[in-house]
Amino acid sequence: MIRAQVGLNALPRLHRYQEYMRARSVTFLGVLLAVTSCCRQLAAQEPASRDQLTLDASLLAATLSSARRTGSDKLVGVGIGVGYEFNIRMVYGEPWGRKSAEVAHIEMFERLETPGRWQYDLGVKVAVDVHTAQVASEATVGGFLGGYIAPMWGGRHFRIGPRLQAGTYWTSARPSLRLSITPLTARLFLTF
């Protein structure tokens, strides 16, 4: 009789032990999965690429630029562009009706990336322009030397924004002050 009582008492203990081991195994497996998933980097946590190749385009102009990362949120680069950039410009002392078309330019810039969707380019630009008056046969060559700021908003591969330029503008021996705004520029990030 005593043996029968010991055998009956052992079954609930064995059942409790099996439940305890099952719970312990599930807990261990959960902890193991949590630790291994935390060790893996997410796409947003991956380090940004060291170089950026971008194409900035406005209505009839394009700029190809290359930038190298110098900090976690800063890049330094150069660009070269061609074409007629549609802009609203104000030139001190220039008669009304005179037009200019940018033929080519070279720029050096610093690109600042913010944690949000904004990116700011601060740069120096040298451009060659062709200037015309009311008569197209009176075209003269001129230039621009100055700085610019270009705030861009968008996603990982495409951004848009304006560009504000200020600097020295010349068509003859006498330079003058120029301010211009390009209302919309699109930036495409090229990856390879």
N, C-alpha and C. Protein backbone atom coordinates (compact mmCIF):
# COMPACT_ATOMS: atom_id res chain seq x y z
N MET A 1 0.78 -1.17 0.00
CA MET A 1 0.00 0.00 0.00
C MET A 1 0.85 1.27 0.00
N ILE A 2 1.92 1.19 0.71
CA ILE A 2 2.81 2.36 0.75
C ILE A 2 3.43 2.57 -0.62
N ARG A 3 3.78 1.47 -1.27
CA ARG A 3 4.36 1.59 -2.62
C ARG A 3 3.36 2.20 -3.59
N ALA A 4 2.13 1.84 -3.48
CA ALA A 4 1.10 2.38 -4.37
C ALA A 4 0.92 3.87 -4.14
N GLN A 5 1.01 4.31 -2.89
CA GLN A 5 0.89 5.73 -2.61
C GLN A 5 2.09 6.49 -3.13
N VAL A 6 3.28 5.93 -3.04
CA VAL A 6 4.48 6.59 -3.55
C VAL A 6 4.39 6.71 -5.06
N GLY A 7 3.93 5.70 -5.74
CA GLY A 7 3.79 5.73 -7.19
C GLY A 7 2.78 6.75 -7.64
N LEU A 8 1.69 6.88 -6.94
CA LEU A 8 0.66 7.87 -7.29
C LEU A 8 1.15 9.29 -7.05
N ASN A 9 1.91 9.49 -5.99
CA ASN A 9 2.46 10.81 -5.70
C ASN A 9 3.56 11.20 -6.69
N ALA A 10 4.25 10.25 -7.26
CA ALA A 10 5.34 10.54 -8.20
C ALA A 10 4.82 11.05 -9.53
N LEU A 11 3.65 10.63 -9.98
CA LEU A 11 3.10 11.08 -11.26
C LEU A 11 2.86 12.59 -11.31
N PRO A 12 2.20 13.19 -10.33
CA PRO A 12 2.04 14.65 -10.40
C PRO A 12 3.39 15.38 -10.35
N ARG A 13 4.34 14.87 -9.58
CA ARG A 13 5.66 15.49 -9.53
C ARG A 13 6.36 15.41 -10.88
N LEU A 14 6.27 14.29 -11.53
CA LEU A 14 6.86 14.11 -12.85
C LEU A 14 6.20 15.04 -13.87
N HIS A 15 4.89 15.15 -13.78
CA HIS A 15 4.16 16.05 -14.68
C HIS A 15 4.57 17.51 -14.46
N ARG A 16 4.70 17.90 -13.19
CA ARG A 16 5.14 19.27 -12.88
C ARG A 16 6.56 19.51 -13.38
N TYR A 17 7.43 18.53 -13.24
CA TYR A 17 8.80 18.66 -13.71
C TYR A 17 8.85 18.81 -15.24
N GLN A 18 8.04 18.03 -15.95
CA GLN A 18 8.01 18.13 -17.42
C GLN A 18 7.47 19.50 -17.85
N GLU A 19 6.46 20.01 -17.18
CA GLU A 19 5.92 21.35 -17.49
C GLU A 19 6.99 22.41 -17.22
N TYR A 20 7.72 22.27 -16.13
CA TYR A 20 8.78 23.21 -15.78
C TYR A 20 9.87 23.21 -16.86
N MET A 21 10.28 22.02 -17.30
CA MET A 21 11.32 21.90 -18.33
C MET A 21 10.84 22.46 -19.67
N ARG A 22 9.59 22.23 -20.01
CA ARG A 22 9.02 22.75 -21.25
C ARG A 22 9.00 24.29 -21.21
N ALA A 23 8.56 24.88 -20.10
CA ALA A 23 8.53 26.33 -19.95
C ALA A 23 9.94 26.91 -20.00
N ARG A 24 10.88 26.20 -19.38
CA ARG A 24 12.26 26.65 -19.36
C ARG A 24 12.85 26.62 -20.77
N SER A 25 12.54 25.60 -21.55
CA SER A 25 13.04 25.48 -22.91
C SER A 25 12.47 26.59 -23.80
N VAL A 26 11.18 26.85 -23.65
CA VAL A 26 10.54 27.91 -24.45
C VAL A 26 11.13 29.27 -24.07
N THR A 27 11.36 29.51 -22.79
CA THR A 27 11.97 30.77 -22.34
C THR A 27 13.38 30.91 -22.90
N PHE A 28 14.16 29.85 -22.84
CA PHE A 28 15.53 29.88 -23.37
C PHE A 28 15.52 30.16 -24.87
N LEU A 29 14.61 29.51 -25.59
CA LEU A 29 14.51 29.72 -27.03
C LEU A 29 14.11 31.16 -27.35
N GLY A 30 13.18 31.73 -26.58
CA GLY A 30 12.77 33.12 -26.77
C GLY A 30 13.91 34.09 -26.53
N VAL A 31 14.66 33.88 -25.47
CA VAL A 31 15.81 34.74 -25.16
C VAL A 31 16.86 34.61 -26.26
N LEU A 32 17.12 33.40 -26.73
CA LEU A 32 18.09 33.19 -27.81
C LEU A 32 17.67 33.92 -29.09
N LEU A 33 16.41 33.84 -29.46
CA LEU A 33 15.91 34.55 -30.64
C LEU A 33 16.01 36.06 -30.48
N ALA A 34 15.68 36.56 -29.29
CA ALA A 34 15.75 38.00 -29.04
C ALA A 34 17.19 38.50 -29.13
N VAL A 35 18.13 37.77 -28.56
CA VAL A 35 19.53 38.19 -28.60
C VAL A 35 20.08 38.16 -30.02
N THR A 36 19.79 37.12 -30.77
CA THR A 36 20.32 37.03 -32.14
C THR A 36 19.68 38.06 -33.06
N SER A 37 18.41 38.39 -32.86
CA SER A 37 17.78 39.39 -33.73
C SER A 37 18.26 40.79 -33.38
N CYS A 38 18.62 41.05 -32.15
CA CYS A 38 19.15 42.37 -31.77
C CYS A 38 20.57 42.57 -32.29
N CYS A 39 21.30 41.50 -32.45
CA CYS A 39 22.68 41.61 -32.93
C CYS A 39 22.74 41.93 -34.42
N ARG A 40 21.70 41.58 -35.17
CA ARG A 40 21.66 41.85 -36.61
C ARG A 40 21.29 43.30 -36.85
N GLN A 41 21.99 44.00 -37.78
CA GLN A 41 21.68 45.38 -38.09
C GLN A 41 20.48 45.47 -39.01
N LEU A 42 19.64 46.45 -38.76
CA LEU A 42 18.53 46.72 -39.65
C LEU A 42 19.03 47.58 -40.81
N ALA A 43 18.24 47.69 -41.87
CA ALA A 43 18.65 48.46 -43.05
C ALA A 43 18.87 49.91 -42.69
N ALA A 44 18.05 50.48 -41.81
CA ALA A 44 18.21 51.88 -41.42
C ALA A 44 19.43 52.08 -40.54
N GLN A 45 19.93 51.02 -39.92
CA GLN A 45 21.09 51.14 -39.05
C GLN A 45 22.40 50.87 -39.78
N GLU A 46 22.34 50.42 -41.02
CA GLU A 46 23.55 50.15 -41.76
C GLU A 46 24.29 51.45 -42.03
N PRO A 47 25.59 51.43 -42.02
CA PRO A 47 26.33 52.66 -42.29
C PRO A 47 26.06 53.14 -43.71
N ALA A 48 25.97 54.46 -43.84
CA ALA A 48 25.71 55.04 -45.16
C ALA A 48 26.93 54.83 -46.05
N SER A 49 26.67 54.81 -47.35
CA SER A 49 27.78 54.60 -48.28
C SER A 49 28.75 55.76 -48.19
N ARG A 50 30.00 55.48 -48.45
CA ARG A 50 31.06 56.49 -48.31
C ARG A 50 30.99 57.53 -49.41
N ASP A 51 30.55 57.16 -50.60
CA ASP A 51 30.49 58.07 -51.74
C ASP A 51 29.05 58.24 -52.20
N GLN A 52 28.78 59.42 -52.78
CA GLN A 52 27.47 59.69 -53.38
C GLN A 52 27.71 60.22 -54.78
N LEU A 53 27.01 59.70 -55.74
CA LEU A 53 27.02 60.21 -57.11
C LEU A 53 25.60 60.66 -57.38
N THR A 54 25.43 61.97 -57.72
CA THR A 54 24.09 62.51 -57.91
C THR A 54 23.98 63.23 -59.23
N LEU A 55 22.76 63.29 -59.72
CA LEU A 55 22.42 64.04 -60.93
C LEU A 55 21.36 65.05 -60.54
N ASP A 56 21.71 66.34 -60.60
CA ASP A 56 20.76 67.41 -60.35
C ASP A 56 20.26 67.91 -61.69
N ALA A 57 18.95 68.02 -61.84
CA ALA A 57 18.39 68.43 -63.12
C ALA A 57 17.31 69.47 -62.90
N SER A 58 17.35 70.53 -63.71
CA SER A 58 16.26 71.50 -63.76
C SER A 58 15.70 71.42 -65.17
N LEU A 59 14.97 72.42 -65.60
CA LEU A 59 14.24 72.33 -66.85
C LEU A 59 15.12 71.96 -68.05
N LEU A 60 16.20 72.71 -68.30
CA LEU A 60 17.08 72.44 -69.44
C LEU A 60 18.55 72.35 -69.03
N ALA A 61 18.82 71.99 -67.80
CA ALA A 61 20.20 71.92 -67.31
C ALA A 61 20.39 70.66 -66.46
N ALA A 62 21.64 70.23 -66.39
CA ALA A 62 21.96 69.05 -65.56
C ALA A 62 23.35 69.21 -64.96
N THR A 63 23.50 68.70 -63.75
CA THR A 63 24.78 68.72 -63.05
C THR A 63 25.06 67.32 -62.52
N LEU A 64 26.23 66.82 -62.80
CA LEU A 64 26.67 65.54 -62.26
C LEU A 64 27.69 65.84 -61.17
N SER A 65 27.45 65.32 -59.97
CA SER A 65 28.36 65.62 -58.86
C SER A 65 28.72 64.35 -58.10
N SER A 66 29.88 64.41 -57.50
CA SER A 66 30.37 63.31 -56.69
C SER A 66 30.78 63.87 -55.33
N ALA A 67 30.36 63.19 -54.26
CA ALA A 67 30.66 63.66 -52.92
C ALA A 67 31.21 62.50 -52.09
N ARG A 68 32.10 62.83 -51.18
CA ARG A 68 32.72 61.84 -50.30
C ARG A 68 32.35 62.18 -48.86
N ARG A 69 31.97 61.16 -48.11
CA ARG A 69 31.56 61.34 -46.71
C ARG A 69 32.78 61.67 -45.86
N THR A 70 32.69 62.76 -45.08
CA THR A 70 33.77 63.16 -44.18
C THR A 70 33.35 63.06 -42.71
N GLY A 71 32.08 62.85 -42.47
CA GLY A 71 31.55 62.70 -41.12
C GLY A 71 30.24 61.93 -41.19
N SER A 72 29.60 61.76 -40.06
CA SER A 72 28.36 61.00 -40.06
C SER A 72 27.24 61.71 -40.81
N ASP A 73 27.27 63.04 -40.85
CA ASP A 73 26.21 63.78 -41.53
C ASP A 73 26.75 64.84 -42.49
N LYS A 74 27.99 64.68 -42.95
CA LYS A 74 28.60 65.69 -43.81
C LYS A 74 29.36 65.04 -44.96
N LEU A 75 29.17 65.60 -46.17
CA LEU A 75 29.89 65.15 -47.36
C LEU A 75 30.52 66.37 -48.03
N VAL A 76 31.61 66.15 -48.72
CA VAL A 76 32.28 67.21 -49.48
C VAL A 76 32.43 66.71 -50.90
N GLY A 77 32.14 67.60 -51.88
CA GLY A 77 32.18 67.12 -53.25
C GLY A 77 32.38 68.20 -54.28
N VAL A 78 32.41 67.76 -55.53
CA VAL A 78 32.55 68.64 -56.69
C VAL A 78 31.52 68.22 -57.73
N GLY A 79 31.19 69.17 -58.61
CA GLY A 79 30.23 68.87 -59.66
C GLY A 79 30.53 69.67 -60.91
N ILE A 80 30.02 69.18 -62.03
CA ILE A 80 30.17 69.86 -63.31
C ILE A 80 28.81 69.80 -64.00
N GLY A 81 28.42 70.93 -64.60
CA GLY A 81 27.11 70.99 -65.21
C GLY A 81 27.08 71.74 -66.51
N VAL A 82 26.05 71.47 -67.31
CA VAL A 82 25.85 72.14 -68.60
C VAL A 82 24.36 72.43 -68.77
N GLY A 83 24.06 73.40 -69.61
CA GLY A 83 22.68 73.67 -69.97
C GLY A 83 22.17 75.00 -69.48
N TYR A 84 20.97 75.33 -69.91
CA TYR A 84 20.30 76.58 -69.54
C TYR A 84 19.49 76.33 -68.27
N GLU A 85 19.87 76.99 -67.20
CA GLU A 85 19.16 76.82 -65.94
C GLU A 85 18.10 77.91 -65.82
N PHE A 86 16.84 77.51 -65.79
CA PHE A 86 15.75 78.46 -65.63
C PHE A 86 15.82 79.04 -64.23
N ASN A 87 16.00 80.36 -64.14
CA ASN A 87 16.04 80.98 -62.83
C ASN A 87 15.47 82.39 -62.88
N ILE A 88 15.13 82.87 -61.72
CA ILE A 88 14.69 84.25 -61.55
C ILE A 88 15.91 85.00 -61.05
N ARG A 89 16.37 85.97 -61.82
CA ARG A 89 17.62 86.63 -61.43
C ARG A 89 17.46 88.12 -61.33
N MET A 90 18.23 88.68 -60.43
CA MET A 90 18.25 90.11 -60.22
C MET A 90 19.71 90.54 -60.27
N VAL A 91 20.04 91.37 -61.25
CA VAL A 91 21.41 91.85 -61.41
C VAL A 91 21.40 93.36 -61.22
N TYR A 92 22.20 93.82 -60.29
CA TYR A 92 22.27 95.25 -60.01
C TYR A 92 22.84 96.01 -61.21
N GLY A 93 22.11 97.00 -61.70
CA GLY A 93 22.58 97.85 -62.79
C GLY A 93 22.37 97.29 -64.18
N GLU A 94 21.70 96.18 -64.33
CA GLU A 94 21.49 95.61 -65.66
C GLU A 94 20.18 96.12 -66.24
N PRO A 95 20.17 96.54 -67.51
CA PRO A 95 18.93 97.02 -68.12
C PRO A 95 17.93 95.87 -68.31
N TRP A 96 16.65 96.23 -68.25
CA TRP A 96 15.59 95.23 -68.41
C TRP A 96 15.60 94.66 -69.81
N GLY A 97 15.31 93.41 -69.98
CA GLY A 97 15.26 92.77 -71.28
C GLY A 97 16.53 92.02 -71.64
N ARG A 98 17.56 92.17 -70.86
CA ARG A 98 18.81 91.44 -71.11
C ARG A 98 18.66 90.03 -70.54
N LYS A 99 19.07 89.02 -71.27
CA LYS A 99 18.92 87.63 -70.84
C LYS A 99 20.28 86.95 -70.84
N SER A 100 20.40 85.92 -70.02
CA SER A 100 21.64 85.15 -70.02
C SER A 100 21.30 83.67 -69.96
N ALA A 101 22.17 82.88 -70.53
CA ALA A 101 22.04 81.42 -70.49
C ALA A 101 23.36 80.85 -70.01
N GLU A 102 23.27 80.05 -68.97
CA GLU A 102 24.47 79.42 -68.43
C GLU A 102 24.88 78.29 -69.36
N VAL A 103 26.11 78.33 -69.82
CA VAL A 103 26.60 77.31 -70.74
C VAL A 103 27.20 76.13 -69.96
N ALA A 104 28.04 76.45 -68.99
CA ALA A 104 28.70 75.39 -68.21
C ALA A 104 29.10 75.96 -66.85
N HIS A 105 29.24 75.08 -65.89
CA HIS A 105 29.71 75.51 -64.56
C HIS A 105 30.45 74.38 -63.85
N ILE A 106 31.25 74.80 -62.89
CA ILE A 106 31.96 73.89 -61.99
C ILE A 106 31.64 74.36 -60.57
N GLU A 107 31.42 73.41 -59.68
CA GLU A 107 31.07 73.77 -58.31
C GLU A 107 31.77 72.87 -57.30
N MET A 108 32.03 73.43 -56.14
CA MET A 108 32.54 72.68 -54.98
C MET A 108 31.54 72.93 -53.85
N PHE A 109 31.22 71.88 -53.09
CA PHE A 109 30.17 72.04 -52.09
C PHE A 109 30.41 71.17 -50.87
N GLU A 110 29.66 71.52 -49.84
CA GLU A 110 29.58 70.72 -48.62
C GLU A 110 28.11 70.36 -48.46
N ARG A 111 27.82 69.09 -48.33
CA ARG A 111 26.44 68.61 -48.22
C ARG A 111 26.19 68.18 -46.77
N LEU A 112 25.19 68.80 -46.15
CA LEU A 112 24.82 68.48 -44.78
C LEU A 112 23.53 67.68 -44.78
N GLU A 113 23.54 66.53 -44.13
CA GLU A 113 22.36 65.68 -44.05
C GLU A 113 21.80 65.75 -42.64
N THR A 114 20.50 66.04 -42.55
CA THR A 114 19.85 66.11 -41.25
C THR A 114 19.18 64.76 -40.97
N PRO A 115 18.81 64.49 -39.71
CA PRO A 115 18.16 63.22 -39.41
C PRO A 115 16.83 63.03 -40.13
N GLY A 116 16.16 64.10 -40.50
CA GLY A 116 14.88 63.98 -41.21
C GLY A 116 15.10 63.77 -42.70
N ARG A 117 14.26 64.34 -43.51
CA ARG A 117 14.33 64.17 -44.96
C ARG A 117 15.05 65.32 -45.66
N TRP A 118 15.66 66.23 -44.92
CA TRP A 118 16.30 67.40 -45.52
C TRP A 118 17.79 67.19 -45.73
N GLN A 119 18.29 67.86 -46.76
CA GLN A 119 19.71 67.84 -47.10
C GLN A 119 20.05 69.24 -47.60
N TYR A 120 21.16 69.81 -47.16
CA TYR A 120 21.53 71.18 -47.55
C TYR A 120 22.89 71.17 -48.23
N ASP A 121 22.98 71.79 -49.40
CA ASP A 121 24.25 71.98 -50.08
C ASP A 121 24.66 73.43 -49.92
N LEU A 122 25.89 73.65 -49.47
CA LEU A 122 26.49 74.98 -49.39
C LEU A 122 27.72 74.92 -50.29
N GLY A 123 27.78 75.81 -51.29
CA GLY A 123 28.88 75.67 -52.23
C GLY A 123 29.34 76.94 -52.89
N VAL A 124 30.39 76.78 -53.68
CA VAL A 124 30.98 77.85 -54.49
C VAL A 124 30.84 77.41 -55.94
N LYS A 125 30.46 78.36 -56.82
CA LYS A 125 30.19 78.03 -58.21
C LYS A 125 30.87 79.03 -59.14
N VAL A 126 31.48 78.50 -60.20
CA VAL A 126 32.05 79.30 -61.28
C VAL A 126 31.32 78.90 -62.56
N ALA A 127 30.74 79.90 -63.26
CA ALA A 127 29.94 79.59 -64.44
C ALA A 127 30.31 80.49 -65.61
N VAL A 128 30.15 79.97 -66.81
CA VAL A 128 30.32 80.74 -68.05
C VAL A 128 28.92 80.94 -68.62
N ASP A 129 28.58 82.21 -68.90
CA ASP A 129 27.26 82.57 -69.41
C ASP A 129 27.38 83.23 -70.78
N VAL A 130 26.31 83.13 -71.55
CA VAL A 130 26.18 83.89 -72.79
C VAL A 130 25.04 84.87 -72.56
N HIS A 131 25.30 86.15 -72.80
CA HIS A 131 24.33 87.21 -72.54
C HIS A 131 23.86 87.81 -73.85
N THR A 132 22.57 88.05 -73.91
CA THR A 132 22.01 88.66 -75.11
C THR A 132 21.15 89.85 -74.72
N ALA A 133 21.03 90.79 -75.62
CA ALA A 133 20.13 91.92 -75.44
C ALA A 133 18.86 91.62 -76.24
N GLN A 134 18.18 92.65 -76.69
CA GLN A 134 16.96 92.47 -77.47
C GLN A 134 17.26 91.79 -78.81
N VAL A 135 18.45 92.05 -79.35
CA VAL A 135 18.84 91.48 -80.65
C VAL A 135 19.78 90.31 -80.37
N ALA A 136 19.50 89.14 -80.92
CA ALA A 136 20.28 87.94 -80.64
C ALA A 136 21.70 88.02 -81.17
N SER A 137 21.96 88.85 -82.16
CA SER A 137 23.31 88.91 -82.73
C SER A 137 24.29 89.65 -81.82
N GLU A 138 23.80 90.29 -80.77
CA GLU A 138 24.67 91.03 -79.86
C GLU A 138 25.07 90.19 -78.65
N ALA A 139 25.24 88.92 -78.80
CA ALA A 139 25.59 88.04 -77.68
C ALA A 139 27.02 88.28 -77.23
N THR A 140 27.21 88.30 -75.93
CA THR A 140 28.54 88.44 -75.33
C THR A 140 28.73 87.32 -74.30
N VAL A 141 29.98 87.00 -74.04
CA VAL A 141 30.31 85.97 -73.06
C VAL A 141 30.57 86.65 -71.72
N GLY A 142 30.04 86.07 -70.67
CA GLY A 142 30.25 86.59 -69.32
C GLY A 142 30.43 85.44 -68.35
N GLY A 143 30.34 85.76 -67.09
CA GLY A 143 30.53 84.71 -66.10
C GLY A 143 29.93 85.04 -64.77
N PHE A 144 30.03 84.09 -63.89
CA PHE A 144 29.50 84.21 -62.53
C PHE A 144 30.47 83.51 -61.58
N LEU A 145 30.75 84.16 -60.46
CA LEU A 145 31.56 83.59 -59.39
C LEU A 145 30.86 83.91 -58.09
N GLY A 146 30.42 82.90 -57.38
CA GLY A 146 29.71 83.16 -56.13
C GLY A 146 29.38 81.89 -55.38
N GLY A 147 28.52 82.05 -54.40
CA GLY A 147 28.13 80.94 -53.56
C GLY A 147 26.66 80.62 -53.71
N TYR A 148 26.28 79.46 -53.21
CA TYR A 148 24.89 79.05 -53.28
C TYR A 148 24.51 78.18 -52.09
N ILE A 149 23.21 78.12 -51.86
CA ILE A 149 22.65 77.19 -50.88
C ILE A 149 21.48 76.50 -51.57
N ALA A 150 21.40 75.19 -51.40
CA ALA A 150 20.36 74.40 -52.04
C ALA A 150 19.74 73.45 -51.02
N PRO A 151 18.62 73.84 -50.40
CA PRO A 151 17.94 72.89 -49.52
C PRO A 151 17.14 71.89 -50.35
N MET A 152 17.29 70.61 -50.05
CA MET A 152 16.59 69.56 -50.81
C MET A 152 15.80 68.70 -49.83
N TRP A 153 14.58 68.34 -50.25
CA TRP A 153 13.71 67.51 -49.44
C TRP A 153 13.30 66.28 -50.23
N GLY A 154 13.24 65.14 -49.57
CA GLY A 154 12.79 63.94 -50.26
C GLY A 154 13.19 62.67 -49.55
N GLY A 155 13.27 61.61 -50.33
CA GLY A 155 13.56 60.29 -49.80
C GLY A 155 15.00 59.89 -50.01
N ARG A 156 15.23 58.60 -50.02
CA ARG A 156 16.57 58.05 -50.10
C ARG A 156 17.19 58.17 -51.50
N HIS A 157 16.37 58.13 -52.56
CA HIS A 157 16.89 58.12 -53.92
C HIS A 157 16.50 59.34 -54.74
N PHE A 158 15.59 60.18 -54.26
CA PHE A 158 15.11 61.32 -55.04
C PHE A 158 14.78 62.47 -54.10
N ARG A 159 15.22 63.69 -54.47
CA ARG A 159 14.94 64.89 -53.67
C ARG A 159 14.64 66.06 -54.60
N ILE A 160 13.90 67.03 -54.08
CA ILE A 160 13.61 68.25 -54.84
C ILE A 160 13.81 69.46 -53.94
N GLY A 161 14.07 70.62 -54.57
CA GLY A 161 14.21 71.84 -53.80
C GLY A 161 14.70 72.99 -54.66
N PRO A 162 14.70 74.19 -54.10
CA PRO A 162 15.19 75.37 -54.83
C PRO A 162 16.69 75.56 -54.65
N ARG A 163 17.24 76.53 -55.36
CA ARG A 163 18.65 76.89 -55.21
C ARG A 163 18.74 78.41 -55.22
N LEU A 164 19.42 78.99 -54.25
CA LEU A 164 19.62 80.42 -54.15
C LEU A 164 21.10 80.71 -54.35
N GLN A 165 21.42 81.59 -55.32
CA GLN A 165 22.81 81.93 -55.63
C GLN A 165 23.02 83.42 -55.45
N ALA A 166 24.21 83.79 -54.98
CA ALA A 166 24.60 85.19 -54.86
C ALA A 166 26.08 85.29 -55.17
N GLY A 167 26.43 86.34 -55.93
CA GLY A 167 27.85 86.50 -56.24
C GLY A 167 28.11 87.59 -57.25
N THR A 168 29.28 87.55 -57.82
CA THR A 168 29.71 88.54 -58.80
C THR A 168 29.40 88.03 -60.20
N TYR A 169 28.86 88.94 -61.00
CA TYR A 169 28.39 88.61 -62.33
C TYR A 169 29.00 89.64 -63.27
N TRP A 170 29.59 89.20 -64.37
CA TRP A 170 30.19 90.18 -65.26
C TRP A 170 29.94 89.84 -66.72
N THR A 171 29.79 90.92 -67.51
CA THR A 171 29.70 90.79 -68.96
C THR A 171 30.75 91.66 -69.62
N SER A 172 31.37 92.50 -68.85
CA SER A 172 32.44 93.38 -69.36
C SER A 172 33.48 93.49 -68.26
N ALA A 173 34.26 94.51 -68.30
CA ALA A 173 35.32 94.68 -67.29
C ALA A 173 34.74 95.05 -65.93
N ARG A 174 33.50 95.49 -65.91
CA ARG A 174 32.91 95.94 -64.65
C ARG A 174 31.95 94.88 -64.10
N PRO A 175 32.30 94.22 -62.98
CA PRO A 175 31.41 93.20 -62.41
C PRO A 175 30.25 93.86 -61.65
N SER A 176 29.18 93.10 -61.46
CA SER A 176 28.04 93.59 -60.69
C SER A 176 27.51 92.46 -59.81
N LEU A 177 26.67 92.83 -58.86
CA LEU A 177 26.10 91.87 -57.92
C LEU A 177 24.94 91.13 -58.58
N ARG A 178 24.86 89.82 -58.36
CA ARG A 178 23.79 89.01 -58.93
C ARG A 178 23.18 88.14 -57.85
N LEU A 179 21.86 88.10 -57.80
CA LEU A 179 21.10 87.17 -56.98
C LEU A 179 20.20 86.40 -57.92
N SER A 180 20.13 85.11 -57.75
CA SER A 180 19.23 84.33 -58.59
C SER A 180 18.65 83.17 -57.79
N ILE A 181 17.43 82.81 -58.15
CA ILE A 181 16.72 81.71 -57.51
C ILE A 181 16.27 80.75 -58.59
N THR A 182 16.67 79.50 -58.46
CA THR A 182 16.15 78.44 -59.32
C THR A 182 15.02 77.80 -58.52
N PRO A 183 13.77 77.99 -58.96
CA PRO A 183 12.64 77.55 -58.13
C PRO A 183 12.58 76.06 -57.86
N LEU A 184 12.99 75.22 -58.81
CA LEU A 184 12.85 73.78 -58.60
C LEU A 184 13.99 73.03 -59.28
N THR A 185 14.67 72.24 -58.50
CA THR A 185 15.72 71.35 -58.99
C THR A 185 15.43 69.96 -58.44
N ALA A 186 15.61 68.96 -59.26
CA ALA A 186 15.41 67.57 -58.84
C ALA A 186 16.76 66.89 -58.70
N ARG A 187 16.93 66.11 -57.66
CA ARG A 187 18.19 65.37 -57.43
C ARG A 187 17.91 63.88 -57.42
N LEU A 188 18.66 63.17 -58.24
CA LEU A 188 18.55 61.72 -58.34
C LEU A 188 19.86 61.13 -57.85
N PHE A 189 19.80 60.21 -56.92
CA PHE A 189 20.99 59.54 -56.40
C PHE A 189 21.28 58.33 -57.27
N LEU A 190 22.45 58.30 -57.88
CA LEU A 190 22.84 57.21 -58.76
C LEU A 190 23.62 56.18 -57.94
N THR A 191 23.23 54.94 -58.04
CA THR A 191 23.93 53.86 -57.34
C THR A 191 24.40 52.84 -58.35
N PHE A 192 25.54 52.28 -58.06
CA PHE A 192 26.08 51.24 -58.94
C PHE A 192 26.83 50.23 -58.14
